[in-house]
Amino acid sequence: MIPRYDVAAVKFETAMARLEAIVGELEKSDLPLDESLKIFEEGIRLSKSCLKILEEAEHKVEVLVQDKNGKKRIHAYSSGEEADEPSS
């Protein structure tokens, strides 16, 4: 069995790896019901934590793409694009 993590202190990548492991454990279907429920609950907590991390990252990106007047410019990212140039 894969070790469990403290959801509050886990990094996104670690949480995603644990979620994948939980899915694998649940798909095997050889766990007792109470153990399945425990790891399912852990998975729900991890998924909520991941969602929160992603929402915070999205907010940071939105702040970074604000123009000089404070307006947000939403556009597709391109590796050759300059930060202050508006997209067409």
N, C-alpha and C. Protein backbone atom coordinates (compact mmCIF):
# COMPACT_ATOMS: atom_id res chain seq x y z
N MET A 1 0.84 -1.18 0.00
CA MET A 1 0.00 0.00 0.00
C MET A 1 0.88 1.24 0.00
N ILE A 2 0.46 2.27 -0.72
CA ILE A 2 1.20 3.52 -0.83
C ILE A 2 0.90 4.39 0.40
N PRO A 3 1.91 5.07 0.94
CA PRO A 3 1.68 5.86 2.15
C PRO A 3 0.71 7.01 1.92
N ARG A 4 0.00 7.38 2.97
CA ARG A 4 -0.93 8.50 2.90
C ARG A 4 -0.20 9.78 3.26
N TYR A 5 -0.77 10.90 2.83
CA TYR A 5 -0.13 12.19 3.04
C TYR A 5 -1.05 13.13 3.80
N ASP A 6 -0.42 14.08 4.51
CA ASP A 6 -1.15 15.15 5.15
C ASP A 6 -1.60 16.09 4.04
N VAL A 7 -2.89 16.13 3.77
CA VAL A 7 -3.44 16.88 2.64
C VAL A 7 -3.07 18.35 2.71
N ALA A 8 -3.03 18.94 3.89
CA ALA A 8 -2.76 20.36 4.02
C ALA A 8 -1.33 20.73 3.61
N ALA A 9 -0.39 19.80 3.73
CA ALA A 9 1.01 20.11 3.48
C ALA A 9 1.55 19.50 2.19
N VAL A 10 0.70 18.91 1.39
CA VAL A 10 1.16 18.17 0.21
C VAL A 10 1.32 19.09 -1.00
N LYS A 11 2.32 18.82 -1.82
CA LYS A 11 2.52 19.56 -3.06
C LYS A 11 1.61 18.99 -4.14
N PHE A 12 1.36 19.81 -5.15
CA PHE A 12 0.45 19.42 -6.23
C PHE A 12 0.87 18.10 -6.88
N GLU A 13 2.13 17.99 -7.24
CA GLU A 13 2.61 16.79 -7.94
C GLU A 13 2.48 15.55 -7.07
N THR A 14 2.77 15.71 -5.79
CA THR A 14 2.65 14.60 -4.85
C THR A 14 1.20 14.19 -4.69
N ALA A 15 0.32 15.19 -4.61
CA ALA A 15 -1.12 14.92 -4.48
C ALA A 15 -1.64 14.20 -5.71
N MET A 16 -1.22 14.62 -6.88
CA MET A 16 -1.68 13.97 -8.11
C MET A 16 -1.18 12.52 -8.18
N ALA A 17 0.05 12.29 -7.76
CA ALA A 17 0.59 10.93 -7.75
C ALA A 17 -0.22 10.05 -6.79
N ARG A 18 -0.54 10.61 -5.63
CA ARG A 18 -1.34 9.84 -4.65
C ARG A 18 -2.73 9.59 -5.19
N LEU A 19 -3.33 10.58 -5.86
CA LEU A 19 -4.66 10.37 -6.45
C LEU A 19 -4.62 9.23 -7.48
N GLU A 20 -3.59 9.20 -8.29
CA GLU A 20 -3.45 8.11 -9.27
C GLU A 20 -3.34 6.76 -8.56
N ALA A 21 -2.60 6.73 -7.47
CA ALA A 21 -2.45 5.49 -6.70
C ALA A 21 -3.79 5.08 -6.09
N ILE A 22 -4.55 6.04 -5.60
CA ILE A 22 -5.87 5.74 -5.02
C ILE A 22 -6.79 5.15 -6.07
N VAL A 23 -6.79 5.75 -7.26
CA VAL A 23 -7.62 5.21 -8.34
C VAL A 23 -7.23 3.77 -8.64
N GLY A 24 -5.92 3.51 -8.70
CA GLY A 24 -5.45 2.15 -8.94
C GLY A 24 -5.91 1.18 -7.86
N GLU A 25 -5.82 1.62 -6.61
CA GLU A 25 -6.25 0.76 -5.50
C GLU A 25 -7.75 0.48 -5.57
N LEU A 26 -8.53 1.51 -5.87
CA LEU A 26 -9.98 1.33 -5.94
C LEU A 26 -10.39 0.48 -7.14
N GLU A 27 -9.65 0.59 -8.25
CA GLU A 27 -9.96 -0.20 -9.43
C GLU A 27 -9.69 -1.69 -9.21
N LYS A 28 -8.75 -2.02 -8.34
CA LYS A 28 -8.44 -3.43 -8.06
C LYS A 28 -9.63 -4.14 -7.42
N SER A 29 -10.43 -3.39 -6.70
CA SER A 29 -11.65 -3.91 -6.07
C SER A 29 -11.41 -5.03 -5.06
N ASP A 30 -10.20 -5.15 -4.54
CA ASP A 30 -9.96 -6.21 -3.56
C ASP A 30 -9.86 -5.66 -2.13
N LEU A 31 -10.20 -4.40 -1.95
CA LEU A 31 -10.16 -3.80 -0.63
C LEU A 31 -11.49 -3.98 0.08
N PRO A 32 -11.47 -4.11 1.39
CA PRO A 32 -12.72 -4.13 2.14
C PRO A 32 -13.42 -2.77 1.98
N LEU A 33 -14.73 -2.77 2.14
CA LEU A 33 -15.51 -1.56 1.95
C LEU A 33 -15.02 -0.40 2.82
N ASP A 34 -14.75 -0.67 4.09
CA ASP A 34 -14.33 0.42 4.97
C ASP A 34 -13.00 1.03 4.52
N GLU A 35 -12.06 0.21 4.05
CA GLU A 35 -10.79 0.72 3.54
C GLU A 35 -11.00 1.49 2.24
N SER A 36 -11.89 0.99 1.37
CA SER A 36 -12.20 1.70 0.13
C SER A 36 -12.78 3.08 0.42
N LEU A 37 -13.66 3.16 1.41
CA LEU A 37 -14.25 4.45 1.77
C LEU A 37 -13.19 5.40 2.34
N LYS A 38 -12.27 4.88 3.13
CA LYS A 38 -11.21 5.72 3.70
C LYS A 38 -10.34 6.33 2.61
N ILE A 39 -9.91 5.51 1.66
CA ILE A 39 -9.04 6.06 0.62
C ILE A 39 -9.84 6.91 -0.37
N PHE A 40 -11.12 6.62 -0.56
CA PHE A 40 -11.96 7.46 -1.39
C PHE A 40 -12.07 8.85 -0.76
N GLU A 41 -12.30 8.91 0.56
CA GLU A 41 -12.37 10.19 1.26
C GLU A 41 -11.04 10.94 1.16
N GLU A 42 -9.94 10.22 1.27
CA GLU A 42 -8.63 10.84 1.11
C GLU A 42 -8.51 11.43 -0.30
N GLY A 43 -8.98 10.68 -1.29
CA GLY A 43 -8.94 11.16 -2.67
C GLY A 43 -9.75 12.43 -2.86
N ILE A 44 -10.90 12.50 -2.23
CA ILE A 44 -11.74 13.69 -2.33
C ILE A 44 -11.00 14.88 -1.71
N ARG A 45 -10.39 14.68 -0.54
CA ARG A 45 -9.64 15.77 0.11
C ARG A 45 -8.47 16.22 -0.78
N LEU A 46 -7.75 15.25 -1.35
CA LEU A 46 -6.63 15.58 -2.23
C LEU A 46 -7.10 16.33 -3.47
N SER A 47 -8.22 15.90 -4.06
CA SER A 47 -8.71 16.58 -5.27
C SER A 47 -9.13 18.01 -4.95
N LYS A 48 -9.72 18.23 -3.79
CA LYS A 48 -10.09 19.60 -3.39
C LYS A 48 -8.84 20.44 -3.17
N SER A 49 -7.82 19.84 -2.58
CA SER A 49 -6.56 20.54 -2.37
C SER A 49 -5.92 20.91 -3.72
N CYS A 50 -5.93 19.97 -4.65
CA CYS A 50 -5.37 20.24 -5.99
C CYS A 50 -6.15 21.35 -6.69
N LEU A 51 -7.46 21.32 -6.57
CA LEU A 51 -8.29 22.35 -7.18
C LEU A 51 -7.95 23.72 -6.61
N LYS A 52 -7.77 23.79 -5.30
CA LYS A 52 -7.41 25.06 -4.66
C LYS A 52 -6.06 25.55 -5.17
N ILE A 53 -5.08 24.65 -5.27
CA ILE A 53 -3.76 25.02 -5.77
C ILE A 53 -3.86 25.54 -7.20
N LEU A 54 -4.66 24.87 -8.03
CA LEU A 54 -4.82 25.30 -9.43
C LEU A 54 -5.51 26.65 -9.52
N GLU A 55 -6.52 26.88 -8.67
CA GLU A 55 -7.21 28.17 -8.67
C GLU A 55 -6.26 29.29 -8.26
N GLU A 56 -5.40 29.03 -7.26
CA GLU A 56 -4.42 30.03 -6.84
C GLU A 56 -3.42 30.31 -7.96
N ALA A 57 -3.00 29.28 -8.66
CA ALA A 57 -2.07 29.45 -9.78
C ALA A 57 -2.73 30.26 -10.89
N GLU A 58 -4.00 29.97 -11.17
CA GLU A 58 -4.73 30.72 -12.20
C GLU A 58 -4.80 32.20 -11.82
N HIS A 59 -5.06 32.49 -10.55
CA HIS A 59 -5.11 33.88 -10.10
C HIS A 59 -3.77 34.56 -10.29
N LYS A 60 -2.68 33.87 -9.97
CA LYS A 60 -1.35 34.45 -10.16
C LYS A 60 -1.09 34.76 -11.62
N VAL A 61 -1.51 33.86 -12.51
CA VAL A 61 -1.32 34.08 -13.94
C VAL A 61 -2.14 35.28 -14.40
N GLU A 62 -3.37 35.41 -13.91
CA GLU A 62 -4.20 36.55 -14.27
C GLU A 62 -3.55 37.86 -13.85
N VAL A 63 -2.96 37.88 -12.67
CA VAL A 63 -2.28 39.08 -12.19
C VAL A 63 -1.09 39.39 -13.09
N LEU A 64 -0.37 38.36 -13.49
CA LEU A 64 0.82 38.56 -14.32
C LEU A 64 0.48 39.08 -15.71
N VAL A 65 -0.70 38.82 -16.22
CA VAL A 65 -1.05 39.27 -17.57
C VAL A 65 -1.84 40.58 -17.58
N GLN A 66 -1.92 41.24 -16.44
CA GLN A 66 -2.57 42.55 -16.41
C GLN A 66 -1.70 43.55 -17.17
N ASP A 67 -2.37 44.45 -17.91
CA ASP A 67 -1.61 45.48 -18.62
C ASP A 67 -1.27 46.63 -17.68
N LYS A 68 -0.66 47.66 -18.20
CA LYS A 68 -0.21 48.77 -17.38
C LYS A 68 -1.36 49.52 -16.71
N ASN A 69 -2.56 49.42 -17.27
CA ASN A 69 -3.74 50.08 -16.71
C ASN A 69 -4.50 49.19 -15.74
N GLY A 70 -3.98 48.00 -15.48
CA GLY A 70 -4.63 47.08 -14.55
C GLY A 70 -5.67 46.19 -15.18
N LYS A 71 -5.90 46.32 -16.49
CA LYS A 71 -6.88 45.47 -17.17
C LYS A 71 -6.25 44.11 -17.46
N LYS A 72 -7.03 43.08 -17.24
CA LYS A 72 -6.55 41.73 -17.53
C LYS A 72 -6.67 41.46 -19.02
N ARG A 73 -5.62 40.90 -19.55
CA ARG A 73 -5.62 40.51 -20.95
C ARG A 73 -5.55 38.99 -21.00
N ILE A 74 -6.63 38.37 -21.35
CA ILE A 74 -6.67 36.91 -21.45
C ILE A 74 -6.35 36.53 -22.89
N HIS A 75 -5.33 35.72 -23.05
CA HIS A 75 -4.97 35.25 -24.38
C HIS A 75 -4.16 33.97 -24.26
N ALA A 76 -4.05 33.29 -25.36
CA ALA A 76 -3.32 32.03 -25.37
C ALA A 76 -1.83 32.33 -25.21
N TYR A 77 -1.16 31.47 -24.48
CA TYR A 77 0.27 31.63 -24.25
C TYR A 77 1.05 31.15 -25.46
N SER A 78 2.06 31.91 -25.80
CA SER A 78 2.98 31.52 -26.86
C SER A 78 4.39 31.76 -26.34
N SER A 79 5.29 30.82 -26.52
CA SER A 79 6.63 30.95 -25.95
C SER A 79 7.41 32.12 -26.54
N GLY A 80 7.05 32.60 -27.71
CA GLY A 80 7.76 33.72 -28.32
C GLY A 80 7.12 35.06 -28.02
N GLU A 81 6.07 35.08 -27.25
CA GLU A 81 5.31 36.30 -26.99
C GLU A 81 5.94 37.14 -25.89
N GLU A 82 6.01 38.45 -26.09
CA GLU A 82 6.51 39.36 -25.06
C GLU A 82 5.40 39.65 -24.08
N ALA A 83 5.75 39.88 -22.81
CA ALA A 83 4.77 40.07 -21.74
C ALA A 83 3.90 41.29 -21.94
N ASP A 84 4.43 42.39 -22.50
CA ASP A 84 3.65 43.62 -22.61
C ASP A 84 2.95 43.78 -23.95
N GLU A 85 3.15 42.87 -24.88
CA GLU A 85 2.53 42.98 -26.19
C GLU A 85 1.15 42.35 -26.15
N PRO A 86 0.11 43.09 -26.58
CA PRO A 86 -1.22 42.49 -26.65
C PRO A 86 -1.29 41.52 -27.81
N SER A 87 -2.10 40.48 -27.66
CA SER A 87 -2.26 39.52 -28.74
C SER A 87 -3.31 40.03 -29.71
N SER A 88 -3.24 39.60 -30.95
CA SER A 88 -4.21 40.03 -31.97
C SER A 88 -5.32 39.04 -32.11
